Amino acid sequence: MKGILQIGICDDKLDDLKLIETAFRSNAKKVGIPIPIECTLFQDGEEMYKEMETGRFDLALLDIEMPGMNGFQLAKRINMNRRTPCLIFVSAYESFVFDAQTFMPLWFVRKSMLEKDMYKALQKYVDVTVFKESCYQLKCGSVFIRDIVYIESSGHLLTIQMADGKIIKQYGSLKVMEEELSGHRFLRIHKSYLVNQRYIEDVGRQEIRLTDGTILEMGRDRRKALIQEIYRYEGEKYGVK
């Protein structure tokens, strides 16, 4: 997710598609999802699956009774894909709720209780994805913390480099951002740079290299502490002691 919550909705009935999208958007506001939402609508399971092979969706809402590839068949194929989004089944047939559990959906939304069930489903989504903790409020809006590559300070101007290549500029204090992002594995490698540790590829003598090849200057007095922190992170991530 790159600062936009990507939603795929599949139902063979166009009117139901629109009702599901409306219910999703209204309840996303109620549960406090703070970032923009983009909904892509499909009336065919095969068409949706082709789009999902790219891993573009964070959440998939599937009708069950559809001609051609039904919701269960689509869910089975989705679960075989490494880039699996969270699943929500939406159906007019409540009897499907037990069969749906085979695919470990996030929730089962009844069309007869669309608003009520959608609200519960999105509450669950926020909880299981630690969505609240993963966002950071910038002056231009909320972004996912994991998508911030690094922040550069030049005087009072902050330049925020995002993983999708977007650059955000705002005035503020790097020290304040460092404090606010503490606990999210951001490292102060230089008086002018705060870097997301997940994007550090290599540590040199006077610089670091990021996963995209970017080279950033590193303060000489920070190298030892930086390497120790990276070893600690790798140990926690991969179980290395």
C-alpha atoms as a PDB file:
ATOM      1  CA  MET A   1       0.000   0.000   0.000  1.00  0.00           C
ATOM      2  CA  LYS A   2       1.499   3.242  -1.139  1.00  0.00           C
ATOM      3  CA  GLY A   3      -0.498   5.863   0.699  1.00  0.00           C
ATOM      4  CA  ILE A   4      -3.738   4.746  -1.014  1.00  0.00           C
ATOM      5  CA  LEU A   5      -5.909   1.869   0.149  1.00  0.00           C
ATOM      6  CA  GLN A   6      -6.530  -0.244  -2.948  1.00  0.00           C
ATOM      7  CA  ILE A   7      -9.837  -2.107  -2.893  1.00  0.00           C
ATOM      8  CA  GLY A   8     -11.083  -4.685  -5.397  1.00  0.00           C
ATOM      9  CA  ILE A   9     -14.813  -5.475  -5.444  1.00  0.00           C
ATOM     10  CA  CYS A  10     -16.312  -8.286  -7.524  1.00  0.00           C
ATOM     11  CA  ASP A  11     -20.050  -8.859  -8.049  1.00  0.00           C
ATOM     12  CA  ASP A  12     -21.803  -9.806 -11.265  1.00  0.00           C
ATOM     13  CA  LYS A  13     -24.644  -7.350 -10.542  1.00  0.00           C
ATOM     14  CA  LEU A  14     -23.731  -3.721 -11.271  1.00  0.00           C
ATOM     15  CA  ASP A  15     -26.285  -2.299  -8.832  1.00  0.00           C
ATOM     16  CA  ASP A  16     -24.867  -4.441  -6.017  1.00  0.00           C
ATOM     17  CA  LEU A  17     -21.327  -3.374  -6.912  1.00  0.00           C
ATOM     18  CA  LYS A  18     -22.260   0.253  -6.446  1.00  0.00           C
ATOM     19  CA  LEU A  19     -24.066  -0.449  -3.166  1.00  0.00           C
ATOM     20  CA  ILE A  20     -21.047  -2.342  -1.813  1.00  0.00           C
ATOM     21  CA  GLU A  21     -18.672   0.462  -2.808  1.00  0.00           C
ATOM     22  CA  THR A  22     -20.906   3.077  -1.173  1.00  0.00           C
ATOM     23  CA  ALA A  23     -21.156   1.035   2.037  1.00  0.00           C
ATOM     24  CA  PHE A  24     -17.386   0.509   2.066  1.00  0.00           C
ATOM     25  CA  ARG A  25     -16.594   4.202   1.666  1.00  0.00           C
ATOM     26  CA  SER A  26     -19.107   5.400   4.255  1.00  0.00           C
ATOM     27  CA  ASN A  27     -17.967   2.892   6.874  1.00  0.00           C
ATOM     28  CA  ALA A  28     -14.284   3.499   6.161  1.00  0.00           C
ATOM     29  CA  LYS A  29     -14.897   7.045   7.368  1.00  0.00           C
ATOM     30  CA  LYS A  30     -16.728   5.801  10.461  1.00  0.00           C
ATOM     31  CA  VAL A  31     -13.878   3.519  11.560  1.00  0.00           C
ATOM     32  CA  GLY A  32     -11.325   6.267  10.927  1.00  0.00           C
ATOM     33  CA  ILE A  33      -9.323   5.049   7.919  1.00  0.00           C
ATOM     34  CA  PRO A  34      -7.332   8.238   7.271  1.00  0.00           C
ATOM     35  CA  ILE A  35      -5.960   7.748   3.746  1.00  0.00           C
ATOM     36  CA  PRO A  36      -7.546   7.942   0.279  1.00  0.00           C
ATOM     37  CA  ILE A  37      -9.421   4.886  -0.996  1.00  0.00           C
ATOM     38  CA  GLU A  38      -9.433   3.660  -4.582  1.00  0.00           C
ATOM     39  CA  CYS A  39     -12.092   1.107  -5.496  1.00  0.00           C
ATOM     40  CA  THR A  40     -11.876  -0.976  -8.669  1.00  0.00           C
ATOM     41  CA  LEU A  41     -15.103  -2.749  -9.624  1.00  0.00           C
ATOM     42  CA  PHE A  42     -15.361  -6.064 -11.466  1.00  0.00           C
ATOM     43  CA  GLN A  43     -18.321  -8.034 -12.753  1.00  0.00           C
ATOM     44  CA  ASP A  44     -16.187 -11.042 -13.676  1.00  0.00           C
ATOM     45  CA  GLY A  45     -13.982 -13.189 -11.432  1.00  0.00           C
ATOM     46  CA  GLU A  46     -11.434 -13.990 -14.124  1.00  0.00           C
ATOM     47  CA  GLU A  47     -10.946 -10.312 -14.903  1.00  0.00           C
ATOM     48  CA  MET A  48     -10.427  -9.491 -11.242  1.00  0.00           C
ATOM     49  CA  TYR A  49      -7.917 -12.305 -10.766  1.00  0.00           C
ATOM     50  CA  LYS A  50      -5.800 -11.067 -13.678  1.00  0.00           C
ATOM     51  CA  GLU A  51      -5.597  -7.669 -11.974  1.00  0.00           C
ATOM     52  CA  MET A  52      -4.799  -9.260  -8.612  1.00  0.00           C
ATOM     53  CA  GLU A  53      -1.762 -11.100  -9.979  1.00  0.00           C
ATOM     54  CA  THR A  54       0.065  -7.780  -9.838  1.00  0.00           C
ATOM     55  CA  GLY A  55      -0.535  -7.592  -6.075  1.00  0.00           C
ATOM     56  CA  ARG A  56      -2.201  -4.215  -6.389  1.00  0.00           C
ATOM     57  CA  PHE A  57      -5.086  -4.778  -3.925  1.00  0.00           C
ATOM     58  CA  ASP A  58      -4.953  -4.552  -0.150  1.00  0.00           C
ATOM     59  CA  LEU A  59      -8.498  -5.807   0.373  1.00  0.00           C
ATOM     60  CA  ALA A  60     -10.801  -7.880  -1.846  1.00  0.00           C
ATOM     61  CA  LEU A  61     -14.588  -7.978  -1.446  1.00  0.00           C
ATOM     62  CA  LEU A  62     -16.096 -10.963  -3.257  1.00  0.00           C
ATOM     63  CA  ASP A  63     -19.660 -11.959  -4.051  1.00  0.00           C
ATOM     64  CA  ILE A  64     -20.073 -15.741  -3.890  1.00  0.00           C
ATOM     65  CA  GLU A  65     -22.819 -16.554  -6.389  1.00  0.00           C
ATOM     66  CA  MET A  66     -21.497 -15.451  -9.792  1.00  0.00           C
ATOM     67  CA  PRO A  67     -21.541 -17.023 -13.263  1.00  0.00           C
ATOM     68  CA  GLY A  68     -18.234 -18.403 -14.491  1.00  0.00           C
ATOM     69  CA  MET A  69     -15.712 -18.157 -11.664  1.00  0.00           C
ATOM     70  CA  ASN A  70     -17.665 -17.820  -8.409  1.00  0.00           C
ATOM     71  CA  GLY A  71     -16.413 -16.169  -5.234  1.00  0.00           C
ATOM     72  CA  PHE A  72     -15.112 -19.357  -3.641  1.00  0.00           C
ATOM     73  CA  GLN A  73     -13.193 -20.354  -6.774  1.00  0.00           C
ATOM     74  CA  LEU A  74     -11.728 -16.865  -6.989  1.00  0.00           C
ATOM     75  CA  ALA A  75     -10.757 -16.959  -3.303  1.00  0.00           C
ATOM     76  CA  LYS A  76      -9.022 -20.316  -3.798  1.00  0.00           C
ATOM     77  CA  ARG A  77      -6.920 -18.924  -6.626  1.00  0.00           C
ATOM     78  CA  ILE A  78      -6.171 -15.772  -4.660  1.00  0.00           C
ATOM     79  CA  ASN A  79      -4.969 -17.814  -1.666  1.00  0.00           C
ATOM     80  CA  MET A  80      -2.493 -19.610  -3.942  1.00  0.00           C
ATOM     81  CA  ASN A  81      -0.931 -16.269  -4.850  1.00  0.00           C
ATOM     82  CA  ARG A  82       1.961 -15.021  -2.700  1.00  0.00           C
ATOM     83  CA  ARG A  83       0.577 -11.494  -2.730  1.00  0.00           C
ATOM     84  CA  THR A  84      -2.655 -12.284  -0.935  1.00  0.00           C
ATOM     85  CA  PRO A  85      -4.963  -9.430   0.100  1.00  0.00           C
ATOM     86  CA  CYS A  86      -7.416  -9.625   2.979  1.00  0.00           C
ATOM     87  CA  LEU A  87     -10.713 -11.207   1.882  1.00  0.00           C
ATOM     88  CA  ILE A  88     -14.274 -10.212   2.700  1.00  0.00           C
ATOM     89  CA  PHE A  89     -17.164 -12.221   1.304  1.00  0.00           C
ATOM     90  CA  VAL A  90     -20.364 -10.321   0.502  1.00  0.00           C
ATOM     91  CA  SER A  91     -23.415 -12.479  -0.161  1.00  0.00           C
ATOM     92  CA  ALA A  92     -27.210 -12.528  -0.170  1.00  0.00           C
ATOM     93  CA  TYR A  93     -27.059 -16.167   0.982  1.00  0.00           C
ATOM     94  CA  GLU A  94     -26.300 -16.465   4.686  1.00  0.00           C
ATOM     95  CA  SER A  95     -26.025 -20.247   4.360  1.00  0.00           C
ATOM     96  CA  PHE A  96     -22.622 -19.758   2.715  1.00  0.00           C
ATOM     97  CA  VAL A  97     -21.087 -18.393   5.911  1.00  0.00           C
ATOM     98  CA  PHE A  98     -19.776 -21.782   7.104  1.00  0.00           C
ATOM     99  CA  ASP A  99     -18.318 -22.808   3.731  1.00  0.00           C
ATOM    100  CA  ALA A 100     -16.670 -19.374   3.528  1.00  0.00           C
ATOM    101  CA  GLN A 101     -14.554 -20.100   6.611  1.00  0.00           C
ATOM    102  CA  THR A 102     -12.479 -22.542   4.539  1.00  0.00           C
ATOM    103  CA  PHE A 103     -10.843 -19.528   2.892  1.00  0.00           C
ATOM    104  CA  MET A 104     -10.153 -17.714   6.190  1.00  0.00           C
ATOM    105  CA  PRO A 105     -11.917 -14.480   5.250  1.00  0.00           C
ATOM    106  CA  LEU A 106     -11.653 -11.377   7.358  1.00  0.00           C
ATOM    107  CA  TRP A 107     -15.452 -11.170   7.567  1.00  0.00           C
ATOM    108  CA  PHE A 108     -18.714 -12.338   6.000  1.00  0.00           C
ATOM    109  CA  VAL A 109     -20.962  -9.428   5.014  1.00  0.00           C
ATOM    110  CA  ARG A 110     -24.654 -10.131   4.462  1.00  0.00           C
ATOM    111  CA  LYS A 111     -26.229  -8.043   1.715  1.00  0.00           C
ATOM    112  CA  SER A 112     -29.371  -7.817   3.831  1.00  0.00           C
ATOM    113  CA  MET A 113     -27.280  -6.173   6.594  1.00  0.00           C
ATOM    114  CA  LEU A 114     -24.784  -4.407   4.346  1.00  0.00           C
ATOM    115  CA  GLU A 115     -24.124  -1.262   6.397  1.00  0.00           C
ATOM    116  CA  LYS A 116     -24.011  -2.999   9.789  1.00  0.00           C
ATOM    117  CA  ASP A 117     -21.821  -5.893   8.654  1.00  0.00           C
ATOM    118  CA  MET A 118     -19.512  -3.676   6.590  1.00  0.00           C
ATOM    119  CA  TYR A 119     -18.837  -1.533   9.640  1.00  0.00           C
ATOM    120  CA  LYS A 120     -17.828  -4.632  11.645  1.00  0.00           C
ATOM    121  CA  ALA A 121     -15.692  -5.897   8.781  1.00  0.00           C
ATOM    122  CA  LEU A 122     -13.752  -2.649   8.530  1.00  0.00           C
ATOM    123  CA  GLN A 123     -13.310  -2.451  12.278  1.00  0.00           C
ATOM    124  CA  LYS A 124     -11.732  -5.895  12.061  1.00  0.00           C
ATOM    125  CA  TYR A 125      -9.545  -4.806   9.142  1.00  0.00           C
ATOM    126  CA  VAL A 126      -8.190  -1.883  11.130  1.00  0.00           C
ATOM    127  CA  ASP A 127      -7.422  -4.189  14.066  1.00  0.00           C
ATOM    128  CA  VAL A 128      -5.686  -7.016  12.221  1.00  0.00           C
ATOM    129  CA  THR A 129      -3.585  -4.786   9.980  1.00  0.00           C
ATOM    130  CA  VAL A 130      -2.449  -2.478  12.842  1.00  0.00           C
ATOM    131  CA  PHE A 131      -3.625   0.201  10.433  1.00  0.00           C
ATOM    132  CA  LYS A 132      -3.689   3.017  12.989  1.00  0.00           C
ATOM    133  CA  GLU A 133      -0.079   2.478  14.023  1.00  0.00           C
ATOM    134  CA  SER A 134       1.146   2.290  10.424  1.00  0.00           C
ATOM    135  CA  CYS A 135       0.139   5.809   9.393  1.00  0.00           C
ATOM    136  CA  TYR A 136       1.926   9.108   9.930  1.00  0.00           C
ATOM    137  CA  GLN A 137       0.315  12.494   9.574  1.00  0.00           C
ATOM    138  CA  LEU A 138       2.125  14.953   7.315  1.00  0.00           C
ATOM    139  CA  LYS A 139       0.892  18.434   6.531  1.00  0.00           C
ATOM    140  CA  CYS A 140      -0.277  17.224   3.110  1.00  0.00           C
ATOM    141  CA  GLY A 141      -2.113  14.210   4.595  1.00  0.00           C
ATOM    142  CA  SER A 142      -1.472  10.734   6.015  1.00  0.00           C
ATOM    143  CA  VAL A 143       1.103   8.313   4.619  1.00  0.00           C
ATOM    144  CA  PHE A 144       2.123   4.789   5.567  1.00  0.00           C
ATOM    145  CA  ILE A 145       5.211   4.862   7.771  1.00  0.00           C
ATOM    146  CA  ARG A 146       6.724   1.893   5.960  1.00  0.00           C
ATOM    147  CA  ASP A 147       6.597   3.887   2.697  1.00  0.00           C
ATOM    148  CA  ILE A 148       8.826   6.669   4.037  1.00  0.00           C
ATOM    149  CA  VAL A 149      12.373   5.909   2.819  1.00  0.00           C
ATOM    150  CA  TYR A 150      14.188   8.819   4.434  1.00  0.00           C
ATOM    151  CA  ILE A 151      13.801  12.423   5.545  1.00  0.00           C
ATOM    152  CA  GLU A 152      16.388  15.064   4.718  1.00  0.00           C
ATOM    153  CA  SER A 153      16.647  18.330   6.638  1.00  0.00           C
ATOM    154  CA  SER A 154      17.972  21.550   5.140  1.00  0.00           C
ATOM    155  CA  GLY A 155      17.445  24.328   7.624  1.00  0.00           C
ATOM    156  CA  HIS A 156      13.756  24.183   8.467  1.00  0.00           C
ATOM    157  CA  LEU A 157      12.802  22.512   5.175  1.00  0.00           C
ATOM    158  CA  LEU A 158      12.168  18.754   5.313  1.00  0.00           C
ATOM    159  CA  THR A 159      12.301  16.642   2.167  1.00  0.00           C
ATOM    160  CA  ILE A 160      10.510  13.312   2.574  1.00  0.00           C
ATOM    161  CA  GLN A 161      11.390  10.619   0.048  1.00  0.00           C
ATOM    162  CA  MET A 162       8.638   8.010  -0.451  1.00  0.00           C
ATOM    163  CA  ALA A 163       9.065   4.449  -1.704  1.00  0.00           C
ATOM    164  CA  ASP A 164       7.004   5.127  -4.835  1.00  0.00           C
ATOM    165  CA  GLY A 165       9.367   7.954  -5.845  1.00  0.00           C
ATOM    166  CA  LYS A 166       7.134  10.748  -4.611  1.00  0.00           C
ATOM    167  CA  ILE A 167       8.884  13.623  -2.843  1.00  0.00           C
ATOM    168  CA  ILE A 168       7.052  15.595  -0.159  1.00  0.00           C
ATOM    169  CA  LYS A 169       8.372  18.900   1.152  1.00  0.00           C
ATOM    170  CA  GLN A 170       7.231  20.639   4.301  1.00  0.00           C
ATOM    171  CA  TYR A 171       8.658  22.892   6.969  1.00  0.00           C
ATOM    172  CA  GLY A 172       9.401  21.392  10.358  1.00  0.00           C
ATOM    173  CA  SER A 173      11.977  19.854  12.677  1.00  0.00           C
ATOM    174  CA  LEU A 174      13.876  16.654  11.942  1.00  0.00           C
ATOM    175  CA  LYS A 175      14.297  16.134  15.670  1.00  0.00           C
ATOM    176  CA  VAL A 176      10.543  16.232  16.178  1.00  0.00           C
ATOM    177  CA  MET A 177      10.018  13.701  13.388  1.00  0.00           C
ATOM    178  CA  GLU A 178      12.712  11.484  14.888  1.00  0.00           C
ATOM    179  CA  GLU A 179      10.864  11.507  18.212  1.00  0.00           C
ATOM    180  CA  GLU A 180       7.484  10.847  16.587  1.00  0.00           C
ATOM    181  CA  LEU A 181       8.855   7.960  14.521  1.00  0.00           C
ATOM    182  CA  SER A 182      10.747   6.344  17.382  1.00  0.00           C
ATOM    183  CA  GLY A 183       9.803   2.686  17.621  1.00  0.00           C
ATOM    184  CA  HIS A 184       9.386   2.418  13.846  1.00  0.00           C
ATOM    185  CA  ARG A 185      13.056   1.655  13.060  1.00  0.00           C
ATOM    186  CA  PHE A 186      14.149   5.030  11.786  1.00  0.00           C
ATOM    187  CA  LEU A 187      17.852   5.754  12.278  1.00  0.00           C
ATOM    188  CA  ARG A 188      19.567   9.120  12.510  1.00  0.00           C
ATOM    189  CA  ILE A 189      22.601   8.498  10.281  1.00  0.00           C
ATOM    190  CA  HIS A 190      23.613  12.166  10.028  1.00  0.00           C
ATOM    191  CA  LYS A 191      22.488  15.491  11.427  1.00  0.00           C
ATOM    192  CA  SER A 192      20.600  15.981   8.158  1.00  0.00           C
ATOM    193  CA  TYR A 193      19.210  12.459   7.545  1.00  0.00           C
ATOM    194  CA  LEU A 194      16.683  10.199   9.221  1.00  0.00           C
ATOM    195  CA  VAL A 195      16.431   6.857   7.398  1.00  0.00           C
ATOM    196  CA  ASN A 196      13.940   4.002   7.484  1.00  0.00           C
ATOM    197  CA  GLN A 197      16.073   0.990   8.401  1.00  0.00           C
ATOM    198  CA  ARG A 198      14.159  -1.381   6.119  1.00  0.00           C
ATOM    199  CA  TYR A 199      15.625   0.444   3.082  1.00  0.00           C
ATOM    200  CA  ILE A 200      19.291   0.286   4.139  1.00  0.00           C
ATOM    201  CA  GLU A 201      21.234  -2.062   1.864  1.00  0.00           C
ATOM    202  CA  ASP A 202      24.825  -1.491   3.005  1.00  0.00           C
ATOM    203  CA  VAL A 203      26.878   0.616   5.420  1.00  0.00           C
ATOM    204  CA  GLY A 204      30.183   2.011   4.178  1.00  0.00           C
ATOM    205  CA  ARG A 205      32.826   4.062   5.949  1.00  0.00           C
ATOM    206  CA  GLN A 206      31.231   7.442   5.438  1.00  0.00           C
ATOM    207  CA  GLU A 207      27.965   6.668   3.670  1.00  0.00           C
ATOM    208  CA  ILE A 208      25.097   4.209   3.427  1.00  0.00           C
ATOM    209  CA  ARG A 209      23.558   2.687   0.309  1.00  0.00           C
ATOM    210  CA  LEU A 210      19.808   2.242   0.104  1.00  0.00           C
ATOM    211  CA  THR A 211      17.982  -0.591  -1.645  1.00  0.00           C
ATOM    212  CA  ASP A 212      17.301   1.636  -4.669  1.00  0.00           C
ATOM    213  CA  GLY A 213      20.992   2.542  -4.993  1.00  0.00           C
ATOM    214  CA  THR A 214      20.742   5.967  -3.365  1.00  0.00           C
ATOM    215  CA  ILE A 215      23.886   6.989  -1.447  1.00  0.00           C
ATOM    216  CA  LEU A 216      23.500   9.103   1.696  1.00  0.00           C
ATOM    217  CA  GLU A 217      26.276  10.656   3.770  1.00  0.00           C
ATOM    218  CA  MET A 218      26.769   9.193   7.242  1.00  0.00           C
ATOM    219  CA  GLY A 219      28.272  10.882  10.273  1.00  0.00           C
ATOM    220  CA  ARG A 220      31.549   9.188  11.256  1.00  0.00           C
ATOM    221  CA  ASP A 221      30.603   9.073  14.920  1.00  0.00           C
ATOM    222  CA  ARG A 222      27.340   7.240  14.084  1.00  0.00           C
ATOM    223  CA  ARG A 223      28.755   4.218  12.211  1.00  0.00           C
ATOM    224  CA  LYS A 224      29.300   1.880  15.176  1.00  0.00           C
ATOM    225  CA  ALA A 225      25.877   2.461  16.715  1.00  0.00           C
ATOM    226  CA  LEU A 226      24.268   2.185  13.294  1.00  0.00           C
ATOM    227  CA  ILE A 227      25.845  -1.212  12.565  1.00  0.00           C
ATOM    228  CA  GLN A 228      24.882  -2.503  16.012  1.00  0.00           C
ATOM    229  CA  GLU A 229      21.275  -1.463  15.443  1.00  0.00           C
ATOM    230  CA  ILE A 230      21.214  -3.116  12.007  1.00  0.00           C
ATOM    231  CA  TYR A 231      22.560  -6.390  13.460  1.00  0.00           C
ATOM    232  CA  ARG A 232      19.905  -6.246  16.159  1.00  0.00           C
ATOM    233  CA  TYR A 233      17.200  -5.635  13.566  1.00  0.00           C
ATOM    234  CA  GLU A 234      18.393  -8.494  11.342  1.00  0.00           C
ATOM    235  CA  GLY A 235      18.500 -10.796  14.347  1.00  0.00           C
ATOM    236  CA  GLU A 236      14.884 -10.021  15.239  1.00  0.00           C
ATOM    237  CA  LYS A 237      13.743 -10.204  11.614  1.00  0.00           C
ATOM    238  CA  TYR A 238      15.409 -13.493  10.678  1.00  0.00           C
ATOM    239  CA  GLY A 239      15.796 -15.124  14.059  1.00  0.00           C
ATOM    240  CA  VAL A 240      19.599 -14.762  14.078  1.00  0.00           C
ATOM    241  CA  LYS A 241      21.255 -14.477  17.496  1.00  0.00           C
END
